[in-house]
Amino acid sequence: MTRDRPQYREGREALLEAATRVIARDGFRGLTYRSVATEAGVTHGLVTYHFGTREALIHEALLRAAQDAIEQSSIAPQSDRIEDFARGLPSLAQDAPDAQAVQFELALEARRRPALRPEIEGLYERYVKIVGATLEGYGIPADAPTARLVFAALDGLTLQQLIFDRPQETEEALAVLHRVIAMLANAGPASS
């Protein structure tokens, strides 16, 4: 008789989901091997086995949340239509609030613990780079300040959506952002 045991990858994913829920609920100070194990319904030794250190667990949970956010928000849309840019943002905080909260929690924790700052800087730079590449696809020079400004708008809208849960307001703000991006695209390259 064989037992149905989760595969290595499935167990790891379940622990990452549990870590995300713990961080969203209790913040980083509540993240322990024991709290993640309890949330996942496993022994804390399994958390150690899969991740080794708390920092590795945080890193993996953050990477997973960021990748999901990039895919679900459509900041790198498959089409060249400006209207498709970030079209998934309003539902992102509704459908995956814990994953969004983890990213904001890490940003705040990096302010308190400078050792985490490179992690959050890397995450934000990744987002800015993706936004810049998307803008470039619309014919807008992908300079860092413009990409950072557009990402800051998305980041702020995500935070507000997470806090206030008003998708209609997020959609209205995105429509304005789409018009601004269209104006930038129609303006063409700035002359020197």
N, C-alpha and C. Protein backbone atom coordinates (compact mmCIF):
# COMPACT_ATOMS: atom_id res chain seq x y z
N MET A 1 0.84 -1.17 0.00
CA MET A 1 0.00 0.00 0.00
C MET A 1 0.90 1.25 0.00
N THR A 2 0.64 2.14 -0.95
CA THR A 2 1.42 3.36 -1.03
C THR A 2 0.60 4.54 -0.52
N ARG A 3 1.31 5.43 0.13
CA ARG A 3 0.66 6.64 0.63
C ARG A 3 0.72 7.72 -0.43
N ASP A 4 -0.34 8.49 -0.51
CA ASP A 4 -0.33 9.63 -1.41
C ASP A 4 0.39 10.77 -0.72
N ARG A 5 1.63 10.99 -1.13
CA ARG A 5 2.41 12.08 -0.57
C ARG A 5 2.55 13.15 -1.63
N PRO A 6 2.51 14.40 -1.22
CA PRO A 6 2.71 15.45 -2.22
C PRO A 6 4.13 15.37 -2.79
N GLN A 7 4.24 15.65 -4.05
CA GLN A 7 5.55 15.71 -4.69
C GLN A 7 6.33 16.87 -4.10
N TYR A 8 7.65 16.85 -4.29
CA TYR A 8 8.53 17.87 -3.73
C TYR A 8 8.02 19.26 -4.10
N ARG A 9 7.75 19.47 -5.38
CA ARG A 9 7.33 20.79 -5.86
C ARG A 9 5.99 21.20 -5.24
N GLU A 10 5.05 20.26 -5.14
CA GLU A 10 3.74 20.56 -4.56
C GLU A 10 3.88 20.95 -3.09
N GLY A 11 4.73 20.24 -2.35
CA GLY A 11 4.94 20.56 -0.94
C GLY A 11 5.57 21.93 -0.78
N ARG A 12 6.49 22.24 -1.63
CA ARG A 12 7.16 23.54 -1.61
C ARG A 12 6.16 24.65 -1.90
N GLU A 13 5.32 24.45 -2.90
CA GLU A 13 4.30 25.45 -3.26
C GLU A 13 3.31 25.64 -2.11
N ALA A 14 2.92 24.57 -1.47
CA ALA A 14 1.98 24.67 -0.34
C ALA A 14 2.62 25.48 0.79
N LEU A 15 3.90 25.30 1.02
CA LEU A 15 4.59 26.06 2.06
C LEU A 15 4.72 27.54 1.68
N LEU A 16 4.95 27.81 0.41
CA LEU A 16 5.02 29.20 -0.04
C LEU A 16 3.65 29.88 0.11
N GLU A 17 2.60 29.16 -0.22
CA GLU A 17 1.25 29.71 -0.04
C GLU A 17 0.98 29.97 1.45
N ALA A 18 1.40 29.04 2.30
CA ALA A 18 1.22 29.22 3.74
C ALA A 18 2.03 30.41 4.24
N ALA A 19 3.26 30.55 3.76
CA ALA A 19 4.10 31.69 4.17
C ALA A 19 3.46 33.00 3.75
N THR A 20 2.90 33.03 2.56
CA THR A 20 2.22 34.24 2.07
C THR A 20 1.05 34.60 2.98
N ARG A 21 0.26 33.61 3.36
CA ARG A 21 -0.88 33.88 4.25
C ARG A 21 -0.40 34.38 5.62
N VAL A 22 0.67 33.78 6.14
CA VAL A 22 1.19 34.19 7.45
C VAL A 22 1.69 35.63 7.40
N ILE A 23 2.46 35.96 6.38
CA ILE A 23 3.00 37.32 6.26
C ILE A 23 1.87 38.33 6.11
N ALA A 24 0.90 38.00 5.26
CA ALA A 24 -0.22 38.93 5.04
C ALA A 24 -1.02 39.14 6.32
N ARG A 25 -1.16 38.11 7.10
CA ARG A 25 -1.96 38.19 8.33
C ARG A 25 -1.18 38.77 9.51
N ASP A 26 0.07 38.32 9.67
CA ASP A 26 0.83 38.63 10.88
C ASP A 26 2.06 39.50 10.65
N GLY A 27 2.36 39.84 9.39
CA GLY A 27 3.57 40.59 9.09
C GLY A 27 4.80 39.69 9.17
N PHE A 28 5.96 40.27 8.90
CA PHE A 28 7.18 39.47 8.89
C PHE A 28 7.59 39.01 10.28
N ARG A 29 7.22 39.75 11.27
CA ARG A 29 7.57 39.33 12.63
C ARG A 29 6.85 38.04 13.03
N GLY A 30 5.72 37.77 12.39
CA GLY A 30 4.98 36.55 12.67
C GLY A 30 5.43 35.36 11.86
N LEU A 31 6.38 35.58 10.94
CA LEU A 31 6.84 34.51 10.06
C LEU A 31 7.92 33.68 10.76
N THR A 32 7.55 32.49 11.15
CA THR A 32 8.50 31.53 11.74
C THR A 32 8.29 30.19 11.04
N TYR A 33 9.25 29.30 11.19
CA TYR A 33 9.07 27.95 10.65
C TYR A 33 7.80 27.34 11.21
N ARG A 34 7.61 27.52 12.51
CA ARG A 34 6.45 26.94 13.18
C ARG A 34 5.13 27.51 12.66
N SER A 35 5.07 28.85 12.46
CA SER A 35 3.82 29.46 11.99
C SER A 35 3.49 29.00 10.57
N VAL A 36 4.50 28.88 9.72
CA VAL A 36 4.28 28.41 8.35
C VAL A 36 3.86 26.95 8.36
N ALA A 37 4.54 26.15 9.18
CA ALA A 37 4.20 24.73 9.26
C ALA A 37 2.77 24.54 9.76
N THR A 38 2.40 25.30 10.78
CA THR A 38 1.03 25.21 11.31
C THR A 38 0.02 25.59 10.24
N GLU A 39 0.30 26.67 9.54
CA GLU A 39 -0.60 27.14 8.47
C GLU A 39 -0.74 26.10 7.36
N ALA A 40 0.36 25.41 7.05
CA ALA A 40 0.35 24.40 5.99
C ALA A 40 -0.08 23.02 6.48
N GLY A 41 -0.13 22.85 7.80
CA GLY A 41 -0.52 21.55 8.35
C GLY A 41 0.57 20.50 8.26
N VAL A 42 1.82 20.94 8.41
CA VAL A 42 2.97 20.01 8.36
C VAL A 42 3.88 20.28 9.55
N THR A 43 4.94 19.52 9.67
CA THR A 43 5.90 19.75 10.74
C THR A 43 6.85 20.87 10.33
N HIS A 44 7.40 21.58 11.35
CA HIS A 44 8.27 22.69 11.00
C HIS A 44 9.58 22.22 10.38
N GLY A 45 9.94 20.98 10.58
CA GLY A 45 11.14 20.44 9.95
C GLY A 45 11.02 20.42 8.43
N LEU A 46 9.81 20.29 7.93
CA LEU A 46 9.59 20.29 6.49
C LEU A 46 9.88 21.66 5.89
N VAL A 47 9.58 22.72 6.63
CA VAL A 47 9.88 24.07 6.17
C VAL A 47 11.40 24.23 6.06
N THR A 48 12.10 23.79 7.08
CA THR A 48 13.56 23.84 7.07
C THR A 48 14.12 23.04 5.90
N TYR A 49 13.57 21.86 5.68
CA TYR A 49 14.02 20.99 4.59
C TYR A 49 13.90 21.69 3.24
N HIS A 50 12.78 22.34 3.00
CA HIS A 50 12.54 22.96 1.69
C HIS A 50 13.28 24.28 1.50
N PHE A 51 13.49 25.05 2.58
CA PHE A 51 14.03 26.39 2.40
C PHE A 51 15.34 26.65 3.13
N GLY A 52 15.63 25.90 4.15
CA GLY A 52 16.90 26.07 4.86
C GLY A 52 16.93 27.23 5.83
N THR A 53 16.65 28.43 5.32
CA THR A 53 16.68 29.62 6.19
C THR A 53 15.39 30.41 6.03
N ARG A 54 15.13 31.23 7.01
CA ARG A 54 13.97 32.11 6.96
C ARG A 54 14.12 33.09 5.80
N GLU A 55 15.33 33.57 5.56
CA GLU A 55 15.58 34.50 4.48
C GLU A 55 15.29 33.86 3.13
N ALA A 56 15.65 32.60 2.96
CA ALA A 56 15.35 31.90 1.71
C ALA A 56 13.85 31.75 1.52
N LEU A 57 13.13 31.47 2.60
CA LEU A 57 11.68 31.38 2.54
C LEU A 57 11.08 32.72 2.13
N ILE A 58 11.55 33.82 2.74
CA ILE A 58 11.07 35.16 2.40
C ILE A 58 11.35 35.45 0.93
N HIS A 59 12.56 35.16 0.50
CA HIS A 59 12.96 35.41 -0.89
C HIS A 59 12.05 34.66 -1.86
N GLU A 60 11.85 33.39 -1.61
CA GLU A 60 11.01 32.57 -2.50
C GLU A 60 9.56 33.03 -2.50
N ALA A 61 9.03 33.39 -1.34
CA ALA A 61 7.65 33.86 -1.25
C ALA A 61 7.50 35.17 -2.03
N LEU A 62 8.49 36.04 -1.92
CA LEU A 62 8.46 37.31 -2.63
C LEU A 62 8.54 37.10 -4.14
N LEU A 63 9.45 36.25 -4.58
CA LEU A 63 9.57 35.98 -6.01
C LEU A 63 8.27 35.43 -6.58
N ARG A 64 7.67 34.52 -5.85
CA ARG A 64 6.41 33.92 -6.30
C ARG A 64 5.31 34.97 -6.38
N ALA A 65 5.20 35.82 -5.37
CA ALA A 65 4.18 36.86 -5.36
C ALA A 65 4.41 37.84 -6.52
N ALA A 66 5.65 38.20 -6.76
CA ALA A 66 5.96 39.15 -7.83
C ALA A 66 5.64 38.56 -9.19
N GLN A 67 6.03 37.32 -9.42
CA GLN A 67 5.76 36.68 -10.71
C GLN A 67 4.26 36.58 -10.96
N ASP A 68 3.52 36.21 -9.94
CA ASP A 68 2.06 36.14 -10.08
C ASP A 68 1.49 37.52 -10.38
N ALA A 69 2.00 38.55 -9.72
CA ALA A 69 1.51 39.91 -9.94
C ALA A 69 1.80 40.38 -11.36
N ILE A 70 2.98 40.08 -11.86
CA ILE A 70 3.35 40.47 -13.22
C ILE A 70 2.41 39.81 -14.23
N GLU A 71 2.16 38.53 -14.04
CA GLU A 71 1.30 37.81 -14.97
C GLU A 71 -0.16 38.25 -14.86
N GLN A 72 -0.66 38.36 -13.65
CA GLN A 72 -2.08 38.65 -13.45
C GLN A 72 -2.45 40.11 -13.71
N SER A 73 -1.51 41.02 -13.52
CA SER A 73 -1.83 42.44 -13.70
C SER A 73 -1.73 42.87 -15.16
N SER A 74 -1.04 42.09 -15.96
CA SER A 74 -0.82 42.41 -17.39
C SER A 74 0.03 43.66 -17.57
N ILE A 75 1.06 43.86 -16.73
CA ILE A 75 1.96 44.99 -16.98
C ILE A 75 2.89 44.69 -18.14
N ALA A 76 2.90 43.45 -18.56
CA ALA A 76 3.61 43.06 -19.78
C ALA A 76 2.58 42.35 -20.66
N PRO A 77 1.62 43.12 -21.23
CA PRO A 77 0.53 42.49 -21.98
C PRO A 77 1.02 41.80 -23.25
N GLN A 78 0.24 40.85 -23.71
CA GLN A 78 0.59 40.10 -24.92
C GLN A 78 0.23 40.88 -26.19
N SER A 79 -0.58 41.92 -26.05
CA SER A 79 -0.98 42.71 -27.21
C SER A 79 -0.23 44.05 -27.20
N ASP A 80 -0.38 44.79 -28.29
CA ASP A 80 0.24 46.11 -28.35
C ASP A 80 -0.78 47.21 -28.07
N ARG A 81 -1.93 46.85 -27.57
CA ARG A 81 -2.98 47.82 -27.24
C ARG A 81 -2.72 48.42 -25.86
N ILE A 82 -2.68 49.73 -25.81
CA ILE A 82 -2.45 50.43 -24.54
C ILE A 82 -3.53 50.07 -23.53
N GLU A 83 -4.75 49.87 -24.00
CA GLU A 83 -5.86 49.54 -23.11
C GLU A 83 -5.65 48.21 -22.37
N ASP A 84 -4.78 47.38 -22.90
CA ASP A 84 -4.50 46.09 -22.25
C ASP A 84 -3.45 46.20 -21.15
N PHE A 85 -2.73 47.32 -21.14
CA PHE A 85 -1.68 47.51 -20.13
C PHE A 85 -2.31 47.55 -18.74
N ALA A 86 -1.87 46.66 -17.88
CA ALA A 86 -2.30 46.58 -16.48
C ALA A 86 -3.80 46.36 -16.32
N ARG A 87 -4.43 45.77 -17.31
CA ARG A 87 -5.89 45.58 -17.26
C ARG A 87 -6.32 44.66 -16.11
N GLY A 88 -5.42 43.80 -15.64
CA GLY A 88 -5.76 42.89 -14.55
C GLY A 88 -5.57 43.50 -13.16
N LEU A 89 -5.08 44.72 -13.10
CA LEU A 89 -4.77 45.34 -11.81
C LEU A 89 -5.98 45.44 -10.88
N PRO A 90 -7.16 45.87 -11.35
CA PRO A 90 -8.28 45.99 -10.42
C PRO A 90 -8.65 44.67 -9.72
N SER A 91 -8.55 43.57 -10.42
CA SER A 91 -8.92 42.29 -9.80
C SER A 91 -7.77 41.65 -9.03
N LEU A 92 -6.56 42.12 -9.27
CA LEU A 92 -5.39 41.52 -8.64
C LEU A 92 -5.48 41.53 -7.12
N ALA A 93 -5.79 42.68 -6.55
CA ALA A 93 -5.87 42.77 -5.08
C ALA A 93 -7.09 42.05 -4.53
N GLN A 94 -8.11 41.87 -5.36
CA GLN A 94 -9.28 41.12 -4.92
C GLN A 94 -9.02 39.62 -4.96
N ASP A 95 -8.37 39.17 -6.03
CA ASP A 95 -8.16 37.74 -6.22
C ASP A 95 -6.96 37.19 -5.44
N ALA A 96 -5.96 38.02 -5.23
CA ALA A 96 -4.75 37.56 -4.54
C ALA A 96 -4.28 38.62 -3.54
N PRO A 97 -5.12 38.98 -2.57
CA PRO A 97 -4.74 40.05 -1.65
C PRO A 97 -3.51 39.72 -0.81
N ASP A 98 -3.37 38.47 -0.41
CA ASP A 98 -2.22 38.11 0.42
C ASP A 98 -0.91 38.29 -0.33
N ALA A 99 -0.89 37.90 -1.59
CA ALA A 99 0.34 38.04 -2.39
C ALA A 99 0.72 39.51 -2.55
N GLN A 100 -0.28 40.37 -2.70
CA GLN A 100 0.01 41.80 -2.82
C GLN A 100 0.48 42.36 -1.47
N ALA A 101 -0.17 41.93 -0.41
CA ALA A 101 0.20 42.40 0.92
C ALA A 101 1.64 42.02 1.26
N VAL A 102 2.08 40.83 0.84
CA VAL A 102 3.45 40.38 1.10
C VAL A 102 4.45 41.37 0.53
N GLN A 103 4.20 41.85 -0.67
CA GLN A 103 5.15 42.77 -1.29
C GLN A 103 5.22 44.10 -0.54
N PHE A 104 4.07 44.60 -0.12
CA PHE A 104 4.07 45.84 0.65
C PHE A 104 4.66 45.63 2.04
N GLU A 105 4.38 44.48 2.63
CA GLU A 105 4.97 44.16 3.94
C GLU A 105 6.49 44.13 3.84
N LEU A 106 7.01 43.53 2.78
CA LEU A 106 8.47 43.47 2.61
C LEU A 106 9.04 44.88 2.43
N ALA A 107 8.35 45.72 1.67
CA ALA A 107 8.84 47.09 1.48
C ALA A 107 8.94 47.81 2.82
N LEU A 108 7.95 47.66 3.66
CA LEU A 108 7.99 48.30 4.98
C LEU A 108 9.05 47.65 5.88
N GLU A 109 9.16 46.34 5.81
CA GLU A 109 10.16 45.66 6.63
C GLU A 109 11.58 46.05 6.19
N ALA A 110 11.78 46.27 4.89
CA ALA A 110 13.10 46.69 4.39
C ALA A 110 13.48 48.06 4.93
N ARG A 111 12.49 48.88 5.20
CA ARG A 111 12.76 50.18 5.81
C ARG A 111 13.28 50.00 7.23
N ARG A 112 12.75 49.01 7.94
CA ARG A 112 13.18 48.75 9.31
C ARG A 112 14.45 47.89 9.37
N ARG A 113 14.63 47.02 8.39
CA ARG A 113 15.78 46.12 8.36
C ARG A 113 16.53 46.31 7.06
N PRO A 114 17.55 47.15 7.05
CA PRO A 114 18.27 47.46 5.82
C PRO A 114 18.83 46.23 5.09
N ALA A 115 19.04 45.14 5.78
CA ALA A 115 19.55 43.94 5.10
C ALA A 115 18.56 43.43 4.05
N LEU A 116 17.29 43.74 4.20
CA LEU A 116 16.28 43.33 3.22
C LEU A 116 16.15 44.30 2.05
N ARG A 117 16.79 45.46 2.18
CA ARG A 117 16.62 46.49 1.16
C ARG A 117 17.02 46.03 -0.24
N PRO A 118 18.13 45.31 -0.42
CA PRO A 118 18.46 44.85 -1.78
C PRO A 118 17.35 43.98 -2.39
N GLU A 119 16.68 43.21 -1.57
CA GLU A 119 15.59 42.36 -2.06
C GLU A 119 14.45 43.21 -2.63
N ILE A 120 14.05 44.22 -1.91
CA ILE A 120 12.94 45.07 -2.38
C ILE A 120 13.38 45.96 -3.53
N GLU A 121 14.63 46.43 -3.49
CA GLU A 121 15.14 47.21 -4.62
C GLU A 121 15.15 46.37 -5.89
N GLY A 122 15.57 45.13 -5.76
CA GLY A 122 15.58 44.23 -6.91
C GLY A 122 14.17 44.00 -7.46
N LEU A 123 13.22 43.83 -6.56
CA LEU A 123 11.83 43.64 -6.97
C LEU A 123 11.31 44.86 -7.70
N TYR A 124 11.53 46.04 -7.12
CA TYR A 124 11.03 47.26 -7.76
C TYR A 124 11.73 47.52 -9.08
N GLU A 125 13.02 47.27 -9.15
CA GLU A 125 13.73 47.46 -10.42
C GLU A 125 13.20 46.50 -11.49
N ARG A 126 12.86 45.31 -11.08
CA ARG A 126 12.27 44.35 -12.03
C ARG A 126 10.96 44.89 -12.59
N TYR A 127 10.10 45.39 -11.71
CA TYR A 127 8.84 45.97 -12.16
C TYR A 127 9.09 47.16 -13.09
N VAL A 128 10.00 48.05 -12.72
CA VAL A 128 10.29 49.24 -13.54
C VAL A 128 10.82 48.82 -14.91
N LYS A 129 11.66 47.81 -14.94
CA LYS A 129 12.22 47.32 -16.21
C LYS A 129 11.11 46.77 -17.11
N ILE A 130 10.21 46.01 -16.53
CA ILE A 130 9.10 45.45 -17.32
C ILE A 130 8.19 46.56 -17.83
N VAL A 131 7.87 47.52 -16.98
CA VAL A 131 7.05 48.65 -17.41
C VAL A 131 7.77 49.43 -18.51
N GLY A 132 9.08 49.65 -18.36
CA GLY A 132 9.86 50.36 -19.38
C GLY A 132 9.82 49.64 -20.72
N ALA A 133 9.97 48.33 -20.69
CA ALA A 133 9.92 47.55 -21.94
C ALA A 133 8.54 47.64 -22.57
N THR A 134 7.50 47.63 -21.76
CA THR A 134 6.14 47.75 -22.28
C THR A 134 5.94 49.13 -22.91
N LEU A 135 6.40 50.18 -22.23
CA LEU A 135 6.28 51.53 -22.77
C LEU A 135 7.04 51.65 -24.09
N GLU A 136 8.21 51.05 -24.13
CA GLU A 136 9.01 51.08 -25.36
C GLU A 136 8.24 50.42 -26.51
N GLY A 137 7.50 49.36 -26.20
CA GLY A 137 6.67 48.70 -27.20
C GLY A 137 5.57 49.61 -27.74
N TYR A 138 5.18 50.61 -26.96
CA TYR A 138 4.19 51.59 -27.40
C TYR A 138 4.84 52.78 -28.09
N GLY A 139 6.16 52.73 -28.26
CA GLY A 139 6.86 53.82 -28.94
C GLY A 139 7.28 54.94 -28.01
N ILE A 140 7.27 54.69 -26.72
CA ILE A 140 7.66 55.69 -25.74
C ILE A 140 9.09 55.38 -25.31
N PRO A 141 10.00 56.36 -25.39
CA PRO A 141 11.36 56.08 -24.93
C PRO A 141 11.34 55.53 -23.50
N ALA A 142 12.01 54.42 -23.31
CA ALA A 142 11.94 53.70 -22.03
C ALA A 142 12.97 54.23 -21.05
N ASP A 143 12.92 55.54 -20.78
CA ASP A 143 13.84 56.06 -19.78
C ASP A 143 13.36 55.66 -18.39
N ALA A 144 14.29 55.54 -17.49
CA ALA A 144 13.97 55.07 -16.14
C ALA A 144 12.98 55.98 -15.41
N PRO A 145 13.11 57.31 -15.49
CA PRO A 145 12.15 58.14 -14.76
C PRO A 145 10.70 57.95 -15.23
N THR A 146 10.47 57.82 -16.52
CA THR A 146 9.11 57.62 -17.02
C THR A 146 8.58 56.27 -16.58
N ALA A 147 9.38 55.23 -16.73
CA ALA A 147 8.96 53.89 -16.31
C ALA A 147 8.70 53.86 -14.80
N ARG A 148 9.54 54.54 -14.04
CA ARG A 148 9.37 54.58 -12.58
C ARG A 148 8.08 55.32 -12.21
N LEU A 149 7.78 56.40 -12.92
CA LEU A 149 6.55 57.15 -12.67
C LEU A 149 5.32 56.30 -12.96
N VAL A 150 5.31 55.61 -14.08
CA VAL A 150 4.17 54.76 -14.43
C VAL A 150 4.04 53.62 -13.43
N PHE A 151 5.18 53.02 -13.06
CA PHE A 151 5.10 51.95 -12.07
C PHE A 151 4.62 52.48 -10.72
N ALA A 152 5.06 53.67 -10.33
CA ALA A 152 4.62 54.25 -9.06
C ALA A 152 3.10 54.43 -9.05
N ALA A 153 2.54 54.82 -10.19
CA ALA A 153 1.08 54.94 -10.28
C ALA A 153 0.43 53.56 -10.08
N LEU A 154 0.97 52.55 -10.72
CA LEU A 154 0.41 51.19 -10.58
C LEU A 154 0.56 50.68 -9.14
N ASP A 155 1.72 50.94 -8.56
CA ASP A 155 1.99 50.50 -7.19
C ASP A 155 1.01 51.16 -6.22
N GLY A 156 0.82 52.46 -6.38
CA GLY A 156 -0.12 53.18 -5.53
C GLY A 156 -1.55 52.72 -5.72
N LEU A 157 -1.93 52.47 -6.96
CA LEU A 157 -3.29 51.97 -7.23
C LEU A 157 -3.49 50.59 -6.61
N THR A 158 -2.45 49.76 -6.68
CA THR A 158 -2.55 48.43 -6.08
C THR A 158 -2.73 48.53 -4.57
N LEU A 159 -1.94 49.39 -3.94
CA LEU A 159 -2.05 49.56 -2.50
C LEU A 159 -3.44 50.08 -2.12
N GLN A 160 -3.93 51.06 -2.84
CA GLN A 160 -5.26 51.59 -2.55
C GLN A 160 -6.35 50.54 -2.77
N GLN A 161 -6.21 49.77 -3.83
CA GLN A 161 -7.18 48.71 -4.10
C GLN A 161 -7.14 47.67 -2.97
N LEU A 162 -5.95 47.36 -2.51
CA LEU A 162 -5.78 46.40 -1.43
C LEU A 162 -6.44 46.90 -0.14
N ILE A 163 -6.30 48.17 0.14
CA ILE A 163 -6.84 48.75 1.37
C ILE A 163 -8.34 49.00 1.27
N PHE A 164 -8.76 49.65 0.18
CA PHE A 164 -10.15 50.12 0.10
C PHE A 164 -11.09 49.21 -0.68
N ASP A 165 -10.52 48.30 -1.50
CA ASP A 165 -11.33 47.35 -2.27
C ASP A 165 -12.39 48.06 -3.11
N ARG A 166 -11.93 48.99 -3.94
CA ARG A 166 -12.82 49.73 -4.83
C ARG A 166 -12.34 49.57 -6.28
N PRO A 167 -12.63 48.43 -6.87
CA PRO A 167 -12.13 48.16 -8.23
C PRO A 167 -12.60 49.17 -9.27
N GLN A 168 -13.79 49.71 -9.10
CA GLN A 168 -14.28 50.70 -10.07
C GLN A 168 -13.38 51.94 -10.08
N GLU A 169 -12.97 52.39 -8.90
CA GLU A 169 -12.07 53.54 -8.84
C GLU A 169 -10.72 53.22 -9.46
N THR A 170 -10.25 52.00 -9.25
CA THR A 170 -8.97 51.58 -9.85
C THR A 170 -9.10 51.56 -11.37
N GLU A 171 -10.21 51.04 -11.88
CA GLU A 171 -10.43 51.00 -13.33
C GLU A 171 -10.49 52.41 -13.91
N GLU A 172 -11.15 53.33 -13.21
CA GLU A 172 -11.23 54.71 -13.68
C GLU A 172 -9.84 55.36 -13.71
N ALA A 173 -9.05 55.12 -12.69
CA ALA A 173 -7.69 55.68 -12.65
C ALA A 173 -6.83 55.06 -13.75
N LEU A 174 -7.00 53.77 -14.01
CA LEU A 174 -6.25 53.12 -15.09
C LEU A 174 -6.62 53.70 -16.44
N ALA A 175 -7.89 54.03 -16.63
CA ALA A 175 -8.31 54.64 -17.90
C ALA A 175 -7.59 55.97 -18.11
N VAL A 176 -7.43 56.75 -17.05
CA VAL A 176 -6.69 58.01 -17.15
C VAL A 176 -5.22 57.72 -17.46
N LEU A 177 -4.64 56.73 -16.77
CA LEU A 177 -3.24 56.37 -17.04
C LEU A 177 -3.07 55.93 -18.48
N HIS A 178 -4.02 55.18 -19.02
CA HIS A 178 -3.95 54.75 -20.42
C HIS A 178 -3.96 55.96 -21.35
N ARG A 179 -4.76 56.98 -21.03
CA ARG A 179 -4.79 58.20 -21.86
C ARG A 179 -3.45 58.93 -21.79
N VAL A 180 -2.86 58.98 -20.61
CA VAL A 180 -1.55 59.63 -20.47
C VAL A 180 -0.50 58.88 -21.29
N ILE A 181 -0.52 57.56 -21.21
CA ILE A 181 0.43 56.76 -21.99
C ILE A 181 0.20 56.97 -23.49
N ALA A 182 -1.03 57.03 -23.90
CA ALA A 182 -1.34 57.28 -25.32
C ALA A 182 -0.81 58.65 -25.75
N MET A 183 -0.95 59.66 -24.89
CA MET A 183 -0.43 60.99 -25.23
C MET A 183 1.09 60.95 -25.37
N LEU A 184 1.76 60.23 -24.48
CA LEU A 184 3.21 60.09 -24.56
C LEU A 184 3.60 59.37 -25.84
N ALA A 185 2.85 58.34 -26.19
CA ALA A 185 3.14 57.58 -27.40
C ALA A 185 2.93 58.45 -28.66
N ASN A 186 1.89 59.27 -28.64
CA ASN A 186 1.59 60.13 -29.80
C ASN A 186 2.55 61.29 -29.91
N ALA A 187 3.17 61.69 -28.80
CA ALA A 187 4.10 62.81 -28.81
C ALA A 187 5.41 62.43 -29.50
N GLY A 188 5.72 61.14 -29.53
CA GLY A 188 6.96 60.70 -30.14
C GLY A 188 8.16 61.04 -29.29
N PRO A 189 9.36 60.76 -29.80
CA PRO A 189 10.57 61.04 -29.03
C PRO A 189 10.74 62.54 -28.80
N ALA A 190 11.20 62.88 -27.61
CA ALA A 190 11.44 64.29 -27.27
C ALA A 190 12.65 64.78 -28.06
N SER A 191 12.54 65.99 -28.55
CA SER A 191 13.68 66.54 -29.30
C SER A 191 14.68 67.16 -28.32
N SER A 192 15.94 67.14 -28.73
CA SER A 192 17.00 67.67 -27.85
C SER A 192 17.15 69.14 -27.99
